[in-house]
């Protein structure tokens, strides 16, 4: 199977993923989970409407990856209590409201 996308589509997707990584760097996991699609779009100086799905994909993928990591850490008993004390861990597993924040 072979798939192709217009070059401009790949460039925007790569830029969104790279900016998401830059915005998440140095943040705690809960802070990184708070990054929104709009944060990525603003950091890039805006995107045309037909390319906004790229920022949504990047920020949403980061959020889902962190959720998956935390779930696996909690499931394996390796999530350290100082990171998630009391009931604060519950917020890490709740879906973000509105989806495309």
C-alpha atoms as a PDB file:
ATOM      1  CA  UNK A   1       0.000   0.000   0.000  1.00  0.00           C
ATOM      2  CA  UNK A   2       1.206   3.476  -0.771  1.00  0.00           C
ATOM      3  CA  UNK A   3      -0.250   6.690   0.558  1.00  0.00           C
ATOM      4  CA  UNK A   4       0.624  10.258  -0.263  1.00  0.00           C
ATOM      5  CA  UNK A   5      -0.328  13.659   1.048  1.00  0.00           C
ATOM      6  CA  UNK A   6       0.328  17.064  -0.391  1.00  0.00           C
ATOM      7  CA  UNK A   7       3.675  18.401   0.819  1.00  0.00           C
ATOM      8  CA  UNK A   8       1.996  21.383   2.520  1.00  0.00           C
ATOM      9  CA  UNK A   9      -0.107  19.038   4.673  1.00  0.00           C
ATOM     10  CA  UNK A  10       2.955  17.267   6.044  1.00  0.00           C
ATOM     11  CA  UNK A  11       4.726  20.548   6.774  1.00  0.00           C
ATOM     12  CA  UNK A  12       1.837  21.867   8.867  1.00  0.00           C
ATOM     13  CA  UNK A  13       1.452  18.571  10.741  1.00  0.00           C
ATOM     14  CA  UNK A  14       5.180  18.458  11.487  1.00  0.00           C
ATOM     15  CA  UNK A  15       5.143  22.084  12.653  1.00  0.00           C
ATOM     16  CA  UNK A  16       2.183  21.384  14.968  1.00  0.00           C
ATOM     17  CA  UNK A  17       3.808  18.282  16.441  1.00  0.00           C
ATOM     18  CA  UNK A  18       7.111  20.080  16.917  1.00  0.00           C
ATOM     19  CA  UNK A  19       5.433  23.056  18.589  1.00  0.00           C
ATOM     20  CA  UNK A  20       3.471  20.746  20.877  1.00  0.00           C
ATOM     21  CA  UNK A  21       6.757  19.147  21.973  1.00  0.00           C
ATOM     22  CA  UNK A  22       8.320  22.570  22.556  1.00  0.00           C
ATOM     23  CA  UNK A  23       5.326  23.722  24.611  1.00  0.00           C
ATOM     24  CA  UNK A  24       5.327  20.523  26.704  1.00  0.00           C
ATOM     25  CA  UNK A  25       9.066  20.485  27.394  1.00  0.00           C
ATOM     26  CA  UNK A  26       9.909  21.153  31.036  1.00  0.00           C
ATOM     27  CA  UNK A  27       6.308  20.845  32.221  1.00  0.00           C
ATOM     28  CA  UNK A  28       4.997  18.281  34.656  1.00  0.00           C
ATOM     29  CA  UNK A  29       2.664  15.670  33.212  1.00  0.00           C
ATOM     30  CA  UNK A  30      -0.466  17.377  34.590  1.00  0.00           C
ATOM     31  CA  UNK A  31       0.741  20.724  33.181  1.00  0.00           C
ATOM     32  CA  UNK A  32       1.448  19.168  29.776  1.00  0.00           C
ATOM     33  CA  UNK A  33      -2.020  17.629  29.777  1.00  0.00           C
ATOM     34  CA  UNK A  34      -3.449  21.129  30.070  1.00  0.00           C
ATOM     35  CA  UNK A  35      -2.010  22.185  26.694  1.00  0.00           C
ATOM     36  CA  UNK A  36      -4.829  22.823  24.277  1.00  0.00           C
ATOM     37  CA  UNK A  37      -5.242  22.895  20.540  1.00  0.00           C
ATOM     38  CA  UNK A  38      -5.581  26.674  20.764  1.00  0.00           C
ATOM     39  CA  UNK A  39      -2.240  26.896  22.620  1.00  0.00           C
ATOM     40  CA  UNK A  40      -0.524  25.140  19.722  1.00  0.00           C
ATOM     41  CA  UNK A  41      -2.291  27.260  17.143  1.00  0.00           C
ATOM     42  CA  UNK A  42      -1.440  30.511  18.966  1.00  0.00           C
ATOM     43  CA  UNK A  43       2.205  29.491  19.394  1.00  0.00           C
ATOM     44  CA  UNK A  44       2.420  28.981  15.632  1.00  0.00           C
ATOM     45  CA  UNK A  45       0.903  32.397  14.969  1.00  0.00           C
ATOM     46  CA  UNK A  46      -2.379  30.953  13.760  1.00  0.00           C
ATOM     47  CA  UNK A  47      -3.392  28.406  11.154  1.00  0.00           C
ATOM     48  CA  UNK A  48      -5.778  28.624   8.226  1.00  0.00           C
ATOM     49  CA  UNK A  49      -9.145  26.960   8.981  1.00  0.00           C
ATOM     50  CA  UNK A  50      -8.417  24.011   6.680  1.00  0.00           C
ATOM     51  CA  UNK A  51      -5.225  23.214   8.652  1.00  0.00           C
ATOM     52  CA  UNK A  52      -6.554  23.584  12.216  1.00  0.00           C
ATOM     53  CA  UNK A  53      -7.116  19.851  12.482  1.00  0.00           C
ATOM     54  CA  UNK A  54      -3.322  19.486  12.562  1.00  0.00           C
ATOM     55  CA  UNK A  55      -3.075  21.392  15.856  1.00  0.00           C
ATOM     56  CA  UNK A  56      -5.993  19.376  17.199  1.00  0.00           C
ATOM     57  CA  UNK A  57      -4.269  16.142  16.283  1.00  0.00           C
ATOM     58  CA  UNK A  58      -0.979  17.146  17.929  1.00  0.00           C
ATOM     59  CA  UNK A  59      -2.373  18.406  21.246  1.00  0.00           C
ATOM     60  CA  UNK A  60      -4.943  15.612  21.500  1.00  0.00           C
ATOM     61  CA  UNK A  61      -2.301  12.978  20.785  1.00  0.00           C
ATOM     62  CA  UNK A  62      -0.044  14.356  23.531  1.00  0.00           C
ATOM     63  CA  UNK A  63      -2.966  14.289  25.968  1.00  0.00           C
ATOM     64  CA  UNK A  64      -3.890  10.705  25.072  1.00  0.00           C
ATOM     65  CA  UNK A  65      -0.256   9.553  25.255  1.00  0.00           C
ATOM     66  CA  UNK A  66       0.151  11.009  28.749  1.00  0.00           C
ATOM     67  CA  UNK A  67      -3.139   9.450  29.853  1.00  0.00           C
ATOM     68  CA  UNK A  68      -1.982   6.088  28.525  1.00  0.00           C
ATOM     69  CA  UNK A  69       1.381   6.425  30.298  1.00  0.00           C
ATOM     70  CA  UNK A  70      -0.253   7.359  33.612  1.00  0.00           C
ATOM     71  CA  UNK A  71      -2.745   4.544  33.320  1.00  0.00           C
ATOM     72  CA  UNK A  72       0.023   2.019  32.718  1.00  0.00           C
ATOM     73  CA  UNK A  73       2.062   3.421  35.625  1.00  0.00           C
ATOM     74  CA  UNK A  74      -0.945   3.269  37.960  1.00  0.00           C
ATOM     75  CA  UNK A  75      -1.879  -0.205  36.732  1.00  0.00           C
ATOM     76  CA  UNK A  76       1.654  -1.434  37.385  1.00  0.00           C
ATOM     77  CA  UNK A  77       1.782   0.233  40.797  1.00  0.00           C
ATOM     78  CA  UNK A  78       4.664   2.529  39.818  1.00  0.00           C
ATOM     79  CA  UNK A  79       2.876   5.891  39.912  1.00  0.00           C
ATOM     80  CA  UNK A  80       4.600   7.762  42.702  1.00  0.00           C
ATOM     81  CA  UNK A  81       2.307   9.216  45.389  1.00  0.00           C
ATOM     82  CA  UNK A  82       3.965  12.687  45.498  1.00  0.00           C
ATOM     83  CA  UNK A  83       2.874  13.305  41.892  1.00  0.00           C
ATOM     84  CA  UNK A  84      -0.730  12.325  42.591  1.00  0.00           C
ATOM     85  CA  UNK A  85      -1.789  12.633  46.190  1.00  0.00           C
ATOM     86  CA  UNK A  86      -5.292  12.255  47.581  1.00  0.00           C
ATOM     87  CA  UNK A  87      -7.977  12.255  44.908  1.00  0.00           C
ATOM     88  CA  UNK A  88      -5.994  14.461  42.488  1.00  0.00           C
ATOM     89  CA  UNK A  89      -5.118  11.385  40.430  1.00  0.00           C
ATOM     90  CA  UNK A  90      -8.766  11.149  39.337  1.00  0.00           C
ATOM     91  CA  UNK A  91      -8.479  14.382  37.346  1.00  0.00           C
ATOM     92  CA  UNK A  92      -5.677  12.845  35.275  1.00  0.00           C
ATOM     93  CA  UNK A  93      -8.051  10.224  33.879  1.00  0.00           C
ATOM     94  CA  UNK A  94     -11.071  12.401  33.175  1.00  0.00           C
ATOM     95  CA  UNK A  95     -11.676  13.302  29.556  1.00  0.00           C
ATOM     96  CA  UNK A  96     -11.213  16.954  28.692  1.00  0.00           C
ATOM     97  CA  UNK A  97     -14.505  18.690  28.086  1.00  0.00           C
ATOM     98  CA  UNK A  98     -15.184  19.955  24.593  1.00  0.00           C
ATOM     99  CA  UNK A  99     -12.604  17.739  22.842  1.00  0.00           C
ATOM    100  CA  UNK A 100     -11.028  20.430  20.636  1.00  0.00           C
ATOM    101  CA  UNK A 101      -9.798  22.858  23.296  1.00  0.00           C
END
